[in-house]
């Protein structure tokens, strides 16, 4: 082999190497688009040219010629997999091709709505009705709380479930979500809603946050409207301070599962730690999962002279200053 031929071979190898390096630099550079995400679809039978043209049209890449050369030289040409993909608009071309040839399809999402005041069993039944997983699997996570390292959970007694911490809201979840993934979404939201300022206020008031949450869960079930909830919270705080029973119908209904109906006299004498007609103070745990509005109402109650309240059949709230006035209002509006 002559020196001239050898030099030519070395030059070709060098140029090829430089070309490959330059090509990789081009395909590895981020796309100069604002950050965002879109769903990209590869149809069954679509060719490389169609796929790359679609990437350009949808704003994922402007380097269509470079992309075609890269997929041929890298051996990716025959590896594109049909399906839906979740792509970021600022991804590099190499990253996009890697995803499209790996066949990682986007996980389908559905919307779920957890209503304010639902207890854990109601949430579990709803999630099962949405065909996400069995209610019992969800309740196992909620009651056992494994590996849930959330700062807010330091306020929860170790033996207690996550009742009260499952924040009611509308969520987007994957159809193949695990119970723990859904629970974590609710806890993430709870930590976001319950700010450090709120926790600092609870501490300044020398109150226990778990007690706040428990009372908020009762207020959530008893009352509607922020101002009304503030007044009712104040009534309950006064009763706690006076060692007077809360006498919350919601806590009795929690025991009997009678929903929002008025408890019977027999219901109110049931011996149960959640029956606030029979116990002094708060029940052992929250009875529902309250909104941030109810939590704030308990932290910032509205001072009034009222000590009793009732809700009429037409949903009018009647407050009373003393027991005699309350009995008169009961006779007028309920009996």
C-alpha atoms as a PDB file:
ATOM      1  CA  UNK A   1       0.000   0.000   0.000  1.00  0.00           C
ATOM      2  CA  UNK A   2       1.468   3.298  -1.111  1.00  0.00           C
ATOM      3  CA  UNK A   3       1.789   6.267   1.176  1.00  0.00           C
ATOM      4  CA  UNK A   4      -0.690   8.171  -0.997  1.00  0.00           C
ATOM      5  CA  UNK A   5      -3.373   5.493  -0.645  1.00  0.00           C
ATOM      6  CA  UNK A   6      -2.770   5.261   3.111  1.00  0.00           C
ATOM      7  CA  UNK A   7      -3.121   9.015   3.482  1.00  0.00           C
ATOM      8  CA  UNK A   8      -6.354   8.890   1.481  1.00  0.00           C
ATOM      9  CA  UNK A   9      -7.794   6.185   3.753  1.00  0.00           C
ATOM     10  CA  UNK A  10      -6.804   8.140   6.863  1.00  0.00           C
ATOM     11  CA  UNK A  11      -8.381  11.274   5.405  1.00  0.00           C
ATOM     12  CA  UNK A  12     -11.631   9.432   4.606  1.00  0.00           C
ATOM     13  CA  UNK A  13     -11.744   7.945   8.117  1.00  0.00           C
ATOM     14  CA  UNK A  14     -11.051  11.365   9.594  1.00  0.00           C
ATOM     15  CA  UNK A  15     -13.718  13.063   7.530  1.00  0.00           C
ATOM     16  CA  UNK A  16     -16.217  10.308   8.344  1.00  0.00           C
ATOM     17  CA  UNK A  17     -15.447  10.683  12.030  1.00  0.00           C
ATOM     18  CA  UNK A  18     -15.798  14.459  11.850  1.00  0.00           C
ATOM     19  CA  UNK A  19     -19.052  14.092   9.924  1.00  0.00           C
ATOM     20  CA  UNK A  20     -20.453  11.667  12.520  1.00  0.00           C
ATOM     21  CA  UNK A  21     -19.384  13.940  15.386  1.00  0.00           C
ATOM     22  CA  UNK A  22     -20.928  16.951  13.663  1.00  0.00           C
ATOM     23  CA  UNK A  23     -24.130  15.029  12.957  1.00  0.00           C
ATOM     24  CA  UNK A  24     -24.426  13.988  16.606  1.00  0.00           C
ATOM     25  CA  UNK A  25     -23.874  17.567  17.747  1.00  0.00           C
ATOM     26  CA  UNK A  26     -26.760  18.640  15.524  1.00  0.00           C
ATOM     27  CA  UNK A  27     -29.166  15.941  16.675  1.00  0.00           C
ATOM     28  CA  UNK A  28     -28.236  16.312  20.356  1.00  0.00           C
ATOM     29  CA  UNK A  29     -28.793  20.073  20.489  1.00  0.00           C
ATOM     30  CA  UNK A  30     -32.145  21.068  22.100  1.00  0.00           C
ATOM     31  CA  UNK A  31     -34.937  22.253  19.846  1.00  0.00           C
ATOM     32  CA  UNK A  32     -35.195  26.051  20.018  1.00  0.00           C
ATOM     33  CA  UNK A  33     -38.846  26.101  21.008  1.00  0.00           C
ATOM     34  CA  UNK A  34     -40.506  27.315  24.230  1.00  0.00           C
ATOM     35  CA  UNK A  35     -41.044  24.465  26.678  1.00  0.00           C
ATOM     36  CA  UNK A  36     -44.308  22.624  26.221  1.00  0.00           C
ATOM     37  CA  UNK A  37     -45.621  19.166  25.509  1.00  0.00           C
ATOM     38  CA  UNK A  38     -47.739  17.528  22.826  1.00  0.00           C
ATOM     39  CA  UNK A  39     -48.948  14.103  21.883  1.00  0.00           C
ATOM     40  CA  UNK A  40     -47.260  12.724  18.754  1.00  0.00           C
ATOM     41  CA  UNK A  41     -48.814   9.786  16.905  1.00  0.00           C
ATOM     42  CA  UNK A  42     -47.123   7.233  14.664  1.00  0.00           C
ATOM     43  CA  UNK A  43     -49.716   5.385  12.613  1.00  0.00           C
ATOM     44  CA  UNK A  44     -49.364   1.737  11.625  1.00  0.00           C
ATOM     45  CA  UNK A  45     -47.471   1.504   8.317  1.00  0.00           C
ATOM     46  CA  UNK A  46     -46.084   5.064   8.376  1.00  0.00           C
ATOM     47  CA  UNK A  47     -42.658   5.406   6.753  1.00  0.00           C
ATOM     48  CA  UNK A  48     -39.597   7.263   8.038  1.00  0.00           C
ATOM     49  CA  UNK A  49     -40.077  10.222   5.680  1.00  0.00           C
ATOM     50  CA  UNK A  50     -43.704  10.686   6.793  1.00  0.00           C
ATOM     51  CA  UNK A  51     -42.716  10.459  10.467  1.00  0.00           C
ATOM     52  CA  UNK A  52     -39.927  13.027  10.130  1.00  0.00           C
ATOM     53  CA  UNK A  53     -42.124  15.351   8.071  1.00  0.00           C
ATOM     54  CA  UNK A  54     -44.804  15.129  10.787  1.00  0.00           C
ATOM     55  CA  UNK A  55     -42.209  15.997  13.443  1.00  0.00           C
ATOM     56  CA  UNK A  56     -41.316  19.120  11.483  1.00  0.00           C
ATOM     57  CA  UNK A  57     -44.953  20.149  10.866  1.00  0.00           C
ATOM     58  CA  UNK A  58     -45.808  19.789  14.552  1.00  0.00           C
ATOM     59  CA  UNK A  59     -42.829  21.869  15.643  1.00  0.00           C
ATOM     60  CA  UNK A  60     -40.712  19.142  17.226  1.00  0.00           C
ATOM     61  CA  UNK A  61     -37.807  19.559  14.790  1.00  0.00           C
ATOM     62  CA  UNK A  62     -36.710  21.816  11.973  1.00  0.00           C
ATOM     63  CA  UNK A  63     -33.818  19.511  10.996  1.00  0.00           C
ATOM     64  CA  UNK A  64     -35.706  17.154   8.697  1.00  0.00           C
ATOM     65  CA  UNK A  65     -32.769  16.488   6.358  1.00  0.00           C
ATOM     66  CA  UNK A  66     -30.407  15.919   9.278  1.00  0.00           C
ATOM     67  CA  UNK A  67     -32.977  13.600  10.891  1.00  0.00           C
ATOM     68  CA  UNK A  68     -33.282  11.463   7.753  1.00  0.00           C
ATOM     69  CA  UNK A  69     -29.513  11.030   7.508  1.00  0.00           C
ATOM     70  CA  UNK A  70     -29.232  10.224  11.231  1.00  0.00           C
ATOM     71  CA  UNK A  71     -31.949   7.559  11.295  1.00  0.00           C
ATOM     72  CA  UNK A  72     -30.321   5.816   8.314  1.00  0.00           C
ATOM     73  CA  UNK A  73     -26.761   5.915   9.647  1.00  0.00           C
ATOM     74  CA  UNK A  74     -27.774   5.048  13.239  1.00  0.00           C
ATOM     75  CA  UNK A  75     -29.847   2.060  12.160  1.00  0.00           C
ATOM     76  CA  UNK A  76     -33.036   3.540  13.642  1.00  0.00           C
ATOM     77  CA  UNK A  77     -34.861   3.601  10.278  1.00  0.00           C
ATOM     78  CA  UNK A  78     -36.684   0.296  10.781  1.00  0.00           C
ATOM     79  CA  UNK A  79     -37.261   0.644  14.530  1.00  0.00           C
ATOM     80  CA  UNK A  80     -40.037   3.251  14.759  1.00  0.00           C
ATOM     81  CA  UNK A  81     -42.990   1.859  16.736  1.00  0.00           C
ATOM     82  CA  UNK A  82     -46.623   2.843  16.093  1.00  0.00           C
ATOM     83  CA  UNK A  83     -48.428   4.488  19.011  1.00  0.00           C
ATOM     84  CA  UNK A  84     -49.018   7.732  20.937  1.00  0.00           C
ATOM     85  CA  UNK A  85     -46.059   9.510  22.519  1.00  0.00           C
ATOM     86  CA  UNK A  86     -45.781  12.369  24.991  1.00  0.00           C
ATOM     87  CA  UNK A  87     -43.014  14.661  23.668  1.00  0.00           C
ATOM     88  CA  UNK A  88     -41.629  17.961  24.928  1.00  0.00           C
ATOM     89  CA  UNK A  89     -41.253  20.677  22.305  1.00  0.00           C
ATOM     90  CA  UNK A  90     -37.705  21.501  23.479  1.00  0.00           C
ATOM     91  CA  UNK A  91     -36.377  17.915  23.230  1.00  0.00           C
ATOM     92  CA  UNK A  92     -33.350  17.200  21.101  1.00  0.00           C
ATOM     93  CA  UNK A  93     -33.887  15.301  17.849  1.00  0.00           C
ATOM     94  CA  UNK A  94     -31.811  12.394  19.165  1.00  0.00           C
ATOM     95  CA  UNK A  95     -33.978  12.142  22.298  1.00  0.00           C
ATOM     96  CA  UNK A  96     -37.157  12.178  20.213  1.00  0.00           C
ATOM     97  CA  UNK A  97     -35.898   9.434  17.910  1.00  0.00           C
ATOM     98  CA  UNK A  98     -34.846   7.401  20.942  1.00  0.00           C
ATOM     99  CA  UNK A  99     -38.360   7.624  22.391  1.00  0.00           C
ATOM    100  CA  UNK A 100     -40.099   6.855  19.082  1.00  0.00           C
ATOM    101  CA  UNK A 101     -37.950   3.775  18.471  1.00  0.00           C
ATOM    102  CA  UNK A 102     -38.238   2.482  22.038  1.00  0.00           C
ATOM    103  CA  UNK A 103     -42.002   2.169  21.685  1.00  0.00           C
ATOM    104  CA  UNK A 104     -42.852   3.896  24.958  1.00  0.00           C
ATOM    105  CA  UNK A 105     -46.470   4.829  24.441  1.00  0.00           C
ATOM    106  CA  UNK A 106     -48.075   7.628  26.430  1.00  0.00           C
ATOM    107  CA  UNK A 107     -50.129   6.485  29.422  1.00  0.00           C
ATOM    108  CA  UNK A 108     -53.793   7.314  28.940  1.00  0.00           C
ATOM    109  CA  UNK A 109     -55.292   9.747  31.448  1.00  0.00           C
ATOM    110  CA  UNK A 110     -58.762  10.194  32.879  1.00  0.00           C
ATOM    111  CA  UNK A 111     -60.245  12.916  35.064  1.00  0.00           C
ATOM    112  CA  UNK A 112     -61.502  12.095  38.566  1.00  0.00           C
ATOM    113  CA  UNK A 113     -63.311  14.390  41.000  1.00  0.00           C
ATOM    114  CA  UNK A 114     -63.132  13.780  44.747  1.00  0.00           C
ATOM    115  CA  UNK A 115     -65.937  15.700  46.453  1.00  0.00           C
ATOM    116  CA  UNK A 116     -65.386  17.797  49.553  1.00  0.00           C
ATOM    117  CA  UNK A 117     -66.432  15.954  52.681  1.00  0.00           C
ATOM    118  CA  UNK A 118     -66.151  12.447  51.280  1.00  0.00           C
ATOM    119  CA  UNK A 119     -64.710   9.912  53.698  1.00  0.00           C
ATOM    120  CA  UNK A 120     -62.078   7.408  52.637  1.00  0.00           C
ATOM    121  CA  UNK A 121     -64.596   4.635  51.911  1.00  0.00           C
ATOM    122  CA  UNK A 122     -66.578   6.893  49.576  1.00  0.00           C
ATOM    123  CA  UNK A 123     -63.382   7.852  47.736  1.00  0.00           C
ATOM    124  CA  UNK A 124     -62.422   4.174  47.444  1.00  0.00           C
ATOM    125  CA  UNK A 125     -65.827   3.193  46.038  1.00  0.00           C
ATOM    126  CA  UNK A 126     -65.723   6.065  43.551  1.00  0.00           C
ATOM    127  CA  UNK A 127     -62.240   5.153  42.301  1.00  0.00           C
ATOM    128  CA  UNK A 128     -63.352   1.550  41.839  1.00  0.00           C
ATOM    129  CA  UNK A 129     -66.376   2.773  39.869  1.00  0.00           C
ATOM    130  CA  UNK A 130     -63.910   4.575  37.570  1.00  0.00           C
ATOM    131  CA  UNK A 131     -62.268   1.156  37.015  1.00  0.00           C
ATOM    132  CA  UNK A 132     -58.898   2.286  38.340  1.00  0.00           C
ATOM    133  CA  UNK A 133     -58.451  -0.433  40.971  1.00  0.00           C
ATOM    134  CA  UNK A 134     -60.338  -2.209  43.734  1.00  0.00           C
ATOM    135  CA  UNK A 135     -61.643  -0.144  46.651  1.00  0.00           C
ATOM    136  CA  UNK A 136     -59.970  -2.538  49.085  1.00  0.00           C
ATOM    137  CA  UNK A 137     -56.557  -1.928  47.482  1.00  0.00           C
ATOM    138  CA  UNK A 138     -56.975   1.822  47.889  1.00  0.00           C
ATOM    139  CA  UNK A 139     -58.111   1.489  51.508  1.00  0.00           C
ATOM    140  CA  UNK A 140     -55.109  -0.701  52.294  1.00  0.00           C
ATOM    141  CA  UNK A 141     -52.749   2.112  51.264  1.00  0.00           C
ATOM    142  CA  UNK A 142     -54.834   4.745  53.084  1.00  0.00           C
ATOM    143  CA  UNK A 143     -54.937   2.733  56.297  1.00  0.00           C
ATOM    144  CA  UNK A 144     -51.408   1.291  56.287  1.00  0.00           C
ATOM    145  CA  UNK A 145     -49.677   4.437  54.848  1.00  0.00           C
ATOM    146  CA  UNK A 146     -46.471   2.673  53.719  1.00  0.00           C
ATOM    147  CA  UNK A 147     -43.415   4.685  52.644  1.00  0.00           C
ATOM    148  CA  UNK A 148     -45.279   7.993  52.516  1.00  0.00           C
ATOM    149  CA  UNK A 149     -42.549  10.397  53.574  1.00  0.00           C
ATOM    150  CA  UNK A 150     -44.553  13.626  53.612  1.00  0.00           C
ATOM    151  CA  UNK A 151     -43.675  16.392  56.041  1.00  0.00           C
ATOM    152  CA  UNK A 152     -47.369  17.113  56.695  1.00  0.00           C
ATOM    153  CA  UNK A 153     -47.901  13.554  57.917  1.00  0.00           C
ATOM    154  CA  UNK A 154     -45.784  14.223  60.988  1.00  0.00           C
ATOM    155  CA  UNK A 155     -48.983  15.670  62.485  1.00  0.00           C
ATOM    156  CA  UNK A 156     -50.841  12.387  61.965  1.00  0.00           C
ATOM    157  CA  UNK A 157     -50.798   9.844  64.806  1.00  0.00           C
ATOM    158  CA  UNK A 158     -48.930   6.731  63.689  1.00  0.00           C
ATOM    159  CA  UNK A 159     -51.943   4.497  64.173  1.00  0.00           C
ATOM    160  CA  UNK A 160     -54.313   6.774  62.241  1.00  0.00           C
ATOM    161  CA  UNK A 161     -55.259   6.410  58.581  1.00  0.00           C
ATOM    162  CA  UNK A 162     -54.961   9.167  55.972  1.00  0.00           C
ATOM    163  CA  UNK A 163     -58.563  10.245  56.572  1.00  0.00           C
ATOM    164  CA  UNK A 164     -58.568  14.036  56.437  1.00  0.00           C
ATOM    165  CA  UNK A 165     -55.390  14.282  54.337  1.00  0.00           C
ATOM    166  CA  UNK A 166     -56.899  13.048  51.035  1.00  0.00           C
ATOM    167  CA  UNK A 167     -57.486  16.447  49.507  1.00  0.00           C
ATOM    168  CA  UNK A 168     -60.790  16.752  47.594  1.00  0.00           C
ATOM    169  CA  UNK A 169     -60.252  18.099  44.090  1.00  0.00           C
ATOM    170  CA  UNK A 170     -60.290  17.205  40.395  1.00  0.00           C
ATOM    171  CA  UNK A 171     -57.254  15.226  39.270  1.00  0.00           C
ATOM    172  CA  UNK A 172     -55.846  13.840  36.050  1.00  0.00           C
ATOM    173  CA  UNK A 173     -54.670  10.283  36.674  1.00  0.00           C
ATOM    174  CA  UNK A 174     -53.371   7.491  34.466  1.00  0.00           C
ATOM    175  CA  UNK A 175     -55.825   4.684  33.767  1.00  0.00           C
ATOM    176  CA  UNK A 176     -53.211   2.213  35.010  1.00  0.00           C
ATOM    177  CA  UNK A 177     -52.371   4.222  38.151  1.00  0.00           C
ATOM    178  CA  UNK A 178     -51.666   2.327  41.343  1.00  0.00           C
ATOM    179  CA  UNK A 179     -53.516   3.245  44.552  1.00  0.00           C
ATOM    180  CA  UNK A 180     -50.304   4.720  45.933  1.00  0.00           C
ATOM    181  CA  UNK A 181     -49.857   6.992  42.896  1.00  0.00           C
ATOM    182  CA  UNK A 182     -53.372   8.418  43.363  1.00  0.00           C
ATOM    183  CA  UNK A 183     -52.864   8.832  47.106  1.00  0.00           C
ATOM    184  CA  UNK A 184     -49.610  10.706  46.466  1.00  0.00           C
ATOM    185  CA  UNK A 185     -51.406  13.121  44.123  1.00  0.00           C
ATOM    186  CA  UNK A 186     -53.883  13.908  46.906  1.00  0.00           C
ATOM    187  CA  UNK A 187     -51.135  14.325  49.501  1.00  0.00           C
ATOM    188  CA  UNK A 188     -49.097  16.546  47.151  1.00  0.00           C
ATOM    189  CA  UNK A 189     -52.167  18.748  46.742  1.00  0.00           C
ATOM    190  CA  UNK A 190     -52.828  18.775  50.494  1.00  0.00           C
ATOM    191  CA  UNK A 191     -49.276  19.934  51.209  1.00  0.00           C
ATOM    192  CA  UNK A 192     -49.636  22.629  48.550  1.00  0.00           C
ATOM    193  CA  UNK A 193     -52.942  23.903  49.986  1.00  0.00           C
ATOM    194  CA  UNK A 194     -51.905  23.831  53.646  1.00  0.00           C
ATOM    195  CA  UNK A 195     -49.183  26.457  53.481  1.00  0.00           C
ATOM    196  CA  UNK A 196     -46.367  27.113  55.921  1.00  0.00           C
ATOM    197  CA  UNK A 197     -48.187  30.309  56.946  1.00  0.00           C
ATOM    198  CA  UNK A 198     -51.258  28.319  57.985  1.00  0.00           C
ATOM    199  CA  UNK A 199     -49.139  25.869  59.949  1.00  0.00           C
ATOM    200  CA  UNK A 200     -47.299  28.767  61.603  1.00  0.00           C
ATOM    201  CA  UNK A 201     -50.648  30.271  62.621  1.00  0.00           C
ATOM    202  CA  UNK A 202     -51.753  26.973  64.166  1.00  0.00           C
ATOM    203  CA  UNK A 203     -48.495  26.857  66.116  1.00  0.00           C
ATOM    204  CA  UNK A 204     -48.909  30.493  67.220  1.00  0.00           C
ATOM    205  CA  UNK A 205     -52.368  29.602  68.539  1.00  0.00           C
ATOM    206  CA  UNK A 206     -50.762  26.692  70.431  1.00  0.00           C
ATOM    207  CA  UNK A 207     -53.131  24.255  68.798  1.00  0.00           C
ATOM    208  CA  UNK A 208     -52.543  20.795  67.378  1.00  0.00           C
ATOM    209  CA  UNK A 209     -52.875  20.613  63.583  1.00  0.00           C
ATOM    210  CA  UNK A 210     -54.460  17.159  63.712  1.00  0.00           C
ATOM    211  CA  UNK A 211     -57.140  18.589  66.004  1.00  0.00           C
ATOM    212  CA  UNK A 212     -57.634  21.424  63.513  1.00  0.00           C
ATOM    213  CA  UNK A 213     -58.043  18.887  60.716  1.00  0.00           C
ATOM    214  CA  UNK A 214     -60.460  16.782  62.759  1.00  0.00           C
ATOM    215  CA  UNK A 215     -62.667  19.758  63.580  1.00  0.00           C
ATOM    216  CA  UNK A 216     -62.481  20.958  59.954  1.00  0.00           C
ATOM    217  CA  UNK A 217     -63.767  17.564  58.824  1.00  0.00           C
ATOM    218  CA  UNK A 218     -66.804  18.045  61.090  1.00  0.00           C
ATOM    219  CA  UNK A 219     -67.378  21.648  59.994  1.00  0.00           C
ATOM    220  CA  UNK A 220     -67.175  20.487  56.357  1.00  0.00           C
ATOM    221  CA  UNK A 221     -70.063  18.084  56.898  1.00  0.00           C
ATOM    222  CA  UNK A 222     -72.098  20.389  59.131  1.00  0.00           C
ATOM    223  CA  UNK A 223     -72.049  23.647  57.231  1.00  0.00           C
ATOM    224  CA  UNK A 224     -71.725  25.356  53.842  1.00  0.00           C
ATOM    225  CA  UNK A 225     -70.319  28.790  53.058  1.00  0.00           C
ATOM    226  CA  UNK A 226     -67.075  30.158  54.466  1.00  0.00           C
ATOM    227  CA  UNK A 227     -68.583  32.710  56.866  1.00  0.00           C
ATOM    228  CA  UNK A 228     -71.095  30.197  58.224  1.00  0.00           C
ATOM    229  CA  UNK A 229     -68.273  27.716  58.713  1.00  0.00           C
ATOM    230  CA  UNK A 230     -66.264  30.314  60.622  1.00  0.00           C
ATOM    231  CA  UNK A 231     -69.225  30.907  62.960  1.00  0.00           C
ATOM    232  CA  UNK A 232     -69.806  27.181  63.500  1.00  0.00           C
ATOM    233  CA  UNK A 233     -66.086  26.641  64.100  1.00  0.00           C
ATOM    234  CA  UNK A 234     -66.215  29.315  66.791  1.00  0.00           C
ATOM    235  CA  UNK A 235     -69.227  27.607  68.388  1.00  0.00           C
ATOM    236  CA  UNK A 236     -67.376  24.288  68.480  1.00  0.00           C
ATOM    237  CA  UNK A 237     -64.198  25.846  69.881  1.00  0.00           C
ATOM    238  CA  UNK A 238     -66.254  27.477  72.654  1.00  0.00           C
ATOM    239  CA  UNK A 239     -67.907  24.154  73.473  1.00  0.00           C
ATOM    240  CA  UNK A 240     -64.522  22.426  73.600  1.00  0.00           C
ATOM    241  CA  UNK A 241     -63.263  25.122  75.952  1.00  0.00           C
ATOM    242  CA  UNK A 242     -66.350  24.733  78.151  1.00  0.00           C
ATOM    243  CA  UNK A 243     -66.186  20.906  78.193  1.00  0.00           C
ATOM    244  CA  UNK A 244     -69.608  20.928  76.537  1.00  0.00           C
ATOM    245  CA  UNK A 245     -70.401  18.191  73.967  1.00  0.00           C
ATOM    246  CA  UNK A 246     -70.060  19.241  70.333  1.00  0.00           C
ATOM    247  CA  UNK A 247     -73.366  17.491  69.562  1.00  0.00           C
ATOM    248  CA  UNK A 248     -72.521  17.249  65.877  1.00  0.00           C
ATOM    249  CA  UNK A 249     -75.061  15.336  63.794  1.00  0.00           C
ATOM    250  CA  UNK A 250     -72.296  14.692  61.261  1.00  0.00           C
ATOM    251  CA  UNK A 251     -70.310  12.596  63.736  1.00  0.00           C
ATOM    252  CA  UNK A 252     -73.376  10.472  64.518  1.00  0.00           C
ATOM    253  CA  UNK A 253     -74.034   9.964  60.808  1.00  0.00           C
ATOM    254  CA  UNK A 254     -70.407   8.924  60.448  1.00  0.00           C
ATOM    255  CA  UNK A 255     -71.179   6.034  62.807  1.00  0.00           C
ATOM    256  CA  UNK A 256     -74.559   5.081  61.357  1.00  0.00           C
ATOM    257  CA  UNK A 257     -73.791   5.795  57.670  1.00  0.00           C
ATOM    258  CA  UNK A 258     -77.112   7.624  57.340  1.00  0.00           C
ATOM    259  CA  UNK A 259     -75.687  10.384  55.172  1.00  0.00           C
ATOM    260  CA  UNK A 260     -77.020  13.874  55.897  1.00  0.00           C
ATOM    261  CA  UNK A 261     -80.292  12.923  57.586  1.00  0.00           C
ATOM    262  CA  UNK A 262     -81.042  14.096  61.128  1.00  0.00           C
ATOM    263  CA  UNK A 263     -80.008  11.445  63.653  1.00  0.00           C
ATOM    264  CA  UNK A 264     -82.746   9.867  65.703  1.00  0.00           C
ATOM    265  CA  UNK A 265     -82.764  10.097  69.507  1.00  0.00           C
ATOM    266  CA  UNK A 266     -81.629   6.457  69.574  1.00  0.00           C
ATOM    267  CA  UNK A 267     -78.697   7.318  67.300  1.00  0.00           C
ATOM    268  CA  UNK A 268     -77.496  10.089  69.607  1.00  0.00           C
ATOM    269  CA  UNK A 269     -77.164   7.738  72.594  1.00  0.00           C
ATOM    270  CA  UNK A 270     -74.990   5.177  70.797  1.00  0.00           C
ATOM    271  CA  UNK A 271     -71.853   4.532  72.808  1.00  0.00           C
ATOM    272  CA  UNK A 272     -69.055   5.269  70.387  1.00  0.00           C
ATOM    273  CA  UNK A 273     -65.908   7.458  70.541  1.00  0.00           C
ATOM    274  CA  UNK A 274     -67.167   9.312  67.447  1.00  0.00           C
ATOM    275  CA  UNK A 275     -70.537  10.167  68.999  1.00  0.00           C
ATOM    276  CA  UNK A 276     -70.077  13.779  70.034  1.00  0.00           C
ATOM    277  CA  UNK A 277     -73.453  13.759  71.774  1.00  0.00           C
ATOM    278  CA  UNK A 278     -71.882  11.368  74.291  1.00  0.00           C
ATOM    279  CA  UNK A 279     -68.223  12.394  74.451  1.00  0.00           C
ATOM    280  CA  UNK A 280     -66.534  15.647  75.433  1.00  0.00           C
ATOM    281  CA  UNK A 281     -64.179  17.125  72.863  1.00  0.00           C
ATOM    282  CA  UNK A 282     -63.191  15.810  69.444  1.00  0.00           C
ATOM    283  CA  UNK A 283     -63.561  12.309  68.009  1.00  0.00           C
ATOM    284  CA  UNK A 284     -60.318  10.290  67.620  1.00  0.00           C
ATOM    285  CA  UNK A 285     -59.808  11.100  63.912  1.00  0.00           C
ATOM    286  CA  UNK A 286     -61.263  13.226  61.109  1.00  0.00           C
ATOM    287  CA  UNK A 287     -64.642  12.010  59.827  1.00  0.00           C
ATOM    288  CA  UNK A 288     -64.162  13.270  56.266  1.00  0.00           C
ATOM    289  CA  UNK A 289     -61.671  14.904  53.939  1.00  0.00           C
ATOM    290  CA  UNK A 290     -62.274  18.660  54.212  1.00  0.00           C
ATOM    291  CA  UNK A 291     -61.636  21.518  51.827  1.00  0.00           C
ATOM    292  CA  UNK A 292     -59.052  24.208  52.541  1.00  0.00           C
ATOM    293  CA  UNK A 293     -62.006  26.551  53.171  1.00  0.00           C
ATOM    294  CA  UNK A 294     -63.109  24.476  56.158  1.00  0.00           C
ATOM    295  CA  UNK A 295     -59.542  24.173  57.440  1.00  0.00           C
ATOM    296  CA  UNK A 296     -59.125  27.951  57.277  1.00  0.00           C
ATOM    297  CA  UNK A 297     -62.499  28.484  58.955  1.00  0.00           C
ATOM    298  CA  UNK A 298     -61.320  26.424  61.925  1.00  0.00           C
ATOM    299  CA  UNK A 299     -57.977  28.259  62.064  1.00  0.00           C
ATOM    300  CA  UNK A 300     -59.657  31.666  61.702  1.00  0.00           C
ATOM    301  CA  UNK A 301     -63.101  31.305  63.366  1.00  0.00           C
ATOM    302  CA  UNK A 302     -65.467  34.254  63.541  1.00  0.00           C
ATOM    303  CA  UNK A 303     -66.221  35.356  67.075  1.00  0.00           C
ATOM    304  CA  UNK A 304     -69.965  35.667  67.766  1.00  0.00           C
ATOM    305  CA  UNK A 305     -72.270  35.346  70.806  1.00  0.00           C
ATOM    306  CA  UNK A 306     -73.797  32.172  69.306  1.00  0.00           C
ATOM    307  CA  UNK A 307     -73.588  28.780  70.994  1.00  0.00           C
ATOM    308  CA  UNK A 308     -76.114  26.729  68.984  1.00  0.00           C
ATOM    309  CA  UNK A 309     -77.224  26.437  65.359  1.00  0.00           C
ATOM    310  CA  UNK A 310     -79.570  24.488  63.126  1.00  0.00           C
ATOM    311  CA  UNK A 311     -80.291  24.112  59.435  1.00  0.00           C
ATOM    312  CA  UNK A 312     -83.911  24.379  58.302  1.00  0.00           C
ATOM    313  CA  UNK A 313     -85.428  22.099  55.631  1.00  0.00           C
ATOM    314  CA  UNK A 314     -84.922  25.003  53.192  1.00  0.00           C
ATOM    315  CA  UNK A 315     -81.201  25.197  54.086  1.00  0.00           C
ATOM    316  CA  UNK A 316     -81.521  28.390  56.112  1.00  0.00           C
ATOM    317  CA  UNK A 317     -78.995  28.613  58.963  1.00  0.00           C
ATOM    318  CA  UNK A 318     -80.446  29.702  62.309  1.00  0.00           C
ATOM    319  CA  UNK A 319     -78.035  30.618  65.113  1.00  0.00           C
ATOM    320  CA  UNK A 320     -78.946  30.875  68.796  1.00  0.00           C
ATOM    321  CA  UNK A 321     -77.239  32.495  71.772  1.00  0.00           C
ATOM    322  CA  UNK A 322     -78.406  30.023  74.403  1.00  0.00           C
ATOM    323  CA  UNK A 323     -80.175  26.688  74.847  1.00  0.00           C
ATOM    324  CA  UNK A 324     -83.606  28.221  75.466  1.00  0.00           C
ATOM    325  CA  UNK A 325     -83.409  30.209  72.252  1.00  0.00           C
ATOM    326  CA  UNK A 326     -82.211  27.103  70.419  1.00  0.00           C
ATOM    327  CA  UNK A 327     -85.150  25.012  71.648  1.00  0.00           C
ATOM    328  CA  UNK A 328     -87.525  27.764  70.538  1.00  0.00           C
ATOM    329  CA  UNK A 329     -85.923  27.759  67.067  1.00  0.00           C
ATOM    330  CA  UNK A 330     -86.096  23.964  66.879  1.00  0.00           C
ATOM    331  CA  UNK A 331     -89.796  24.069  67.640  1.00  0.00           C
ATOM    332  CA  UNK A 332     -90.298  26.791  65.070  1.00  0.00           C
ATOM    333  CA  UNK A 333     -88.240  25.405  62.186  1.00  0.00           C
ATOM    334  CA  UNK A 334     -87.863  21.660  62.696  1.00  0.00           C
ATOM    335  CA  UNK A 335     -90.648  20.169  64.804  1.00  0.00           C
END
